[in-house]
Amino acid sequence: MLSKPGSLLRLEGAAVFLLGVYLYRWSGARWAWFFLLFLWPDLFMLGYVFSPKLGSSLYNLAHTYIFPLGLAIVSLAEHRAFLGSFTLIWLAHIGFDRALGYGLKYPTFFKDTHLQHLSLE
């Protein structure tokens, strides 16, 4: 298993999803917000309507851990509970996608992702 990066990345995604859900529960935030906002990063797929390059760029922008982690820092520094809750939803979404095998996109076509180039055996 340790020699199969695709499987490890999927497990890592599942761990991020579960951690995000656990921390969201611990935060005491409303679950209605979680369910309402869980799929918001997928709105960035609309870029594919115009071109695969724009679609992949926008999708990757919303599906990399860099921005939600930056938002987490701002949330903690500014004591903004809503931003923290939003960050956990965002991280849970990314983890969920990675656990399902949806990775960062290449500018060729939607299903061409970094996870597709790894061995899942």
Protein backbone atom coordinates (compact mmCIF):
# COMPACT_ATOMS: atom_id res chain seq x y z
CA MET A 1 0.00 0.00 0.00
CA LEU A 2 2.77 2.45 0.82
CA SER A 3 4.13 2.00 -2.68
CA LYS A 4 0.84 3.10 -4.29
CA PRO A 5 0.69 6.90 -4.28
CA GLY A 6 -2.81 7.05 -5.77
CA SER A 7 -4.25 4.99 -2.92
CA LEU A 8 -2.35 7.03 -0.35
CA LEU A 9 -3.67 10.28 -1.81
CA ARG A 10 -7.22 8.96 -1.68
CA LEU A 11 -6.77 7.92 1.95
CA GLU A 12 -5.27 11.32 2.69
CA GLY A 13 -8.33 12.95 1.11
CA ALA A 14 -10.65 10.82 3.21
CA ALA A 15 -8.70 11.81 6.34
CA VAL A 16 -8.99 15.52 5.46
CA PHE A 17 -12.72 15.09 4.85
CA LEU A 18 -13.28 13.32 8.18
CA LEU A 19 -11.14 15.84 10.06
CA GLY A 20 -13.02 18.72 8.45
CA VAL A 21 -16.39 17.22 9.40
CA TYR A 22 -15.21 16.46 12.94
CA LEU A 23 -13.84 19.97 13.48
CA TYR A 24 -16.98 21.49 11.98
CA ARG A 25 -19.08 19.48 14.44
CA TRP A 26 -16.79 20.52 17.28
CA SER A 27 -17.09 24.18 16.24
CA GLY A 28 -20.82 24.13 16.89
CA ALA A 29 -21.62 25.78 13.56
CA ARG A 30 -24.96 25.09 11.93
CA TRP A 31 -25.18 21.98 9.76
CA ALA A 32 -27.51 23.76 7.38
CA TRP A 33 -24.56 25.95 6.35
CA PHE A 34 -22.38 22.87 5.87
CA PHE A 35 -24.86 21.21 3.52
CA LEU A 36 -25.64 24.46 1.73
CA LEU A 37 -22.00 25.35 1.06
CA PHE A 38 -20.42 21.91 0.68
CA LEU A 39 -20.60 21.92 -3.12
CA TRP A 40 -19.78 25.61 -3.72
CA PRO A 41 -16.21 24.88 -4.99
CA ASP A 42 -17.75 22.87 -7.83
CA LEU A 43 -19.23 26.07 -9.25
CA PHE A 44 -15.76 26.74 -10.60
CA MET A 45 -16.32 23.92 -13.10
CA LEU A 46 -18.43 26.40 -15.05
CA GLY A 47 -15.18 27.61 -16.58
CA TYR A 48 -15.26 24.46 -18.72
CA VAL A 49 -18.18 26.01 -20.60
CA PHE A 50 -15.66 28.41 -22.12
CA SER A 51 -12.55 26.26 -22.43
CA PRO A 52 -10.72 23.37 -20.77
CA LYS A 53 -7.83 25.69 -19.92
CA LEU A 54 -10.06 28.20 -18.11
CA GLY A 55 -12.08 25.41 -16.51
CA SER A 56 -9.03 23.60 -15.18
CA SER A 57 -7.49 26.84 -13.89
CA LEU A 58 -10.64 27.87 -12.02
CA TYR A 59 -11.28 24.36 -10.73
CA ASN A 60 -7.71 24.05 -9.44
CA LEU A 61 -7.99 27.47 -7.80
CA ALA A 62 -10.92 26.23 -5.69
CA HIS A 63 -9.60 22.70 -5.16
CA THR A 64 -6.11 23.24 -3.80
CA TYR A 65 -5.47 23.31 -0.07
CA ILE A 66 -3.48 26.57 -0.26
CA PHE A 67 -6.40 29.01 -0.22
CA PRO A 68 -8.52 27.43 2.51
CA LEU A 69 -5.44 27.11 4.71
CA GLY A 70 -4.69 30.79 4.11
CA LEU A 71 -8.28 31.58 5.03
CA ALA A 72 -7.87 29.52 8.20
CA ILE A 73 -4.93 31.70 9.21
CA VAL A 74 -6.98 34.85 8.61
CA SER A 75 -9.90 33.35 10.54
CA LEU A 76 -7.71 32.55 13.54
CA ALA A 77 -5.87 35.88 13.45
CA GLU A 78 -9.06 37.93 13.12
CA HIS A 79 -11.20 35.71 15.41
CA ARG A 80 -13.81 35.25 12.67
CA ALA A 81 -15.81 32.12 13.50
CA PHE A 82 -17.78 32.17 10.23
CA LEU A 83 -14.56 32.20 8.19
CA GLY A 84 -13.33 29.25 10.23
CA SER A 85 -16.52 27.32 9.59
CA PHE A 86 -16.35 28.15 5.89
CA THR A 87 -12.73 26.98 5.82
CA LEU A 88 -13.68 23.62 7.33
CA ILE A 89 -16.44 23.16 4.76
CA TRP A 90 -14.01 24.01 1.98
CA LEU A 91 -11.33 21.62 3.27
CA ALA A 92 -13.91 18.85 3.75
CA HIS A 93 -15.07 19.31 0.16
CA ILE A 94 -11.54 19.07 -1.23
CA GLY A 95 -10.83 16.00 0.89
CA PHE A 96 -14.08 14.38 -0.23
CA ASP A 97 -13.23 15.00 -3.88
CA ARG A 98 -9.74 13.57 -3.46
CA ALA A 99 -11.09 10.50 -1.66
CA LEU A 100 -13.39 9.90 -4.64
CA GLY A 101 -10.48 10.22 -7.04
CA TYR A 102 -11.13 13.72 -8.34
CA GLY A 103 -7.82 15.48 -8.51
CA LEU A 104 -6.40 18.72 -9.78
CA LYS A 105 -7.13 19.14 -13.47
CA TYR A 106 -4.86 19.36 -16.47
CA PRO A 107 -5.91 21.78 -19.23
CA THR A 108 -6.71 18.95 -21.64
CA PHE A 109 -10.13 17.70 -20.50
CA PHE A 110 -12.11 17.42 -17.25
CA LYS A 111 -11.23 13.84 -16.31
CA ASP A 112 -7.50 14.33 -16.86
CA THR A 113 -6.34 14.79 -13.27
CA HIS A 114 -3.18 14.36 -11.27
CA LEU A 115 -4.72 11.31 -9.58
CA GLN A 116 -5.41 9.62 -12.92
CA HIS A 117 -1.65 9.60 -13.60
CA LEU A 118 -0.89 7.62 -10.45
CA SER A 119 -1.13 3.90 -9.84
CA LEU A 120 -4.24 2.96 -7.84
CA GLU A 121 -3.49 -0.75 -7.76
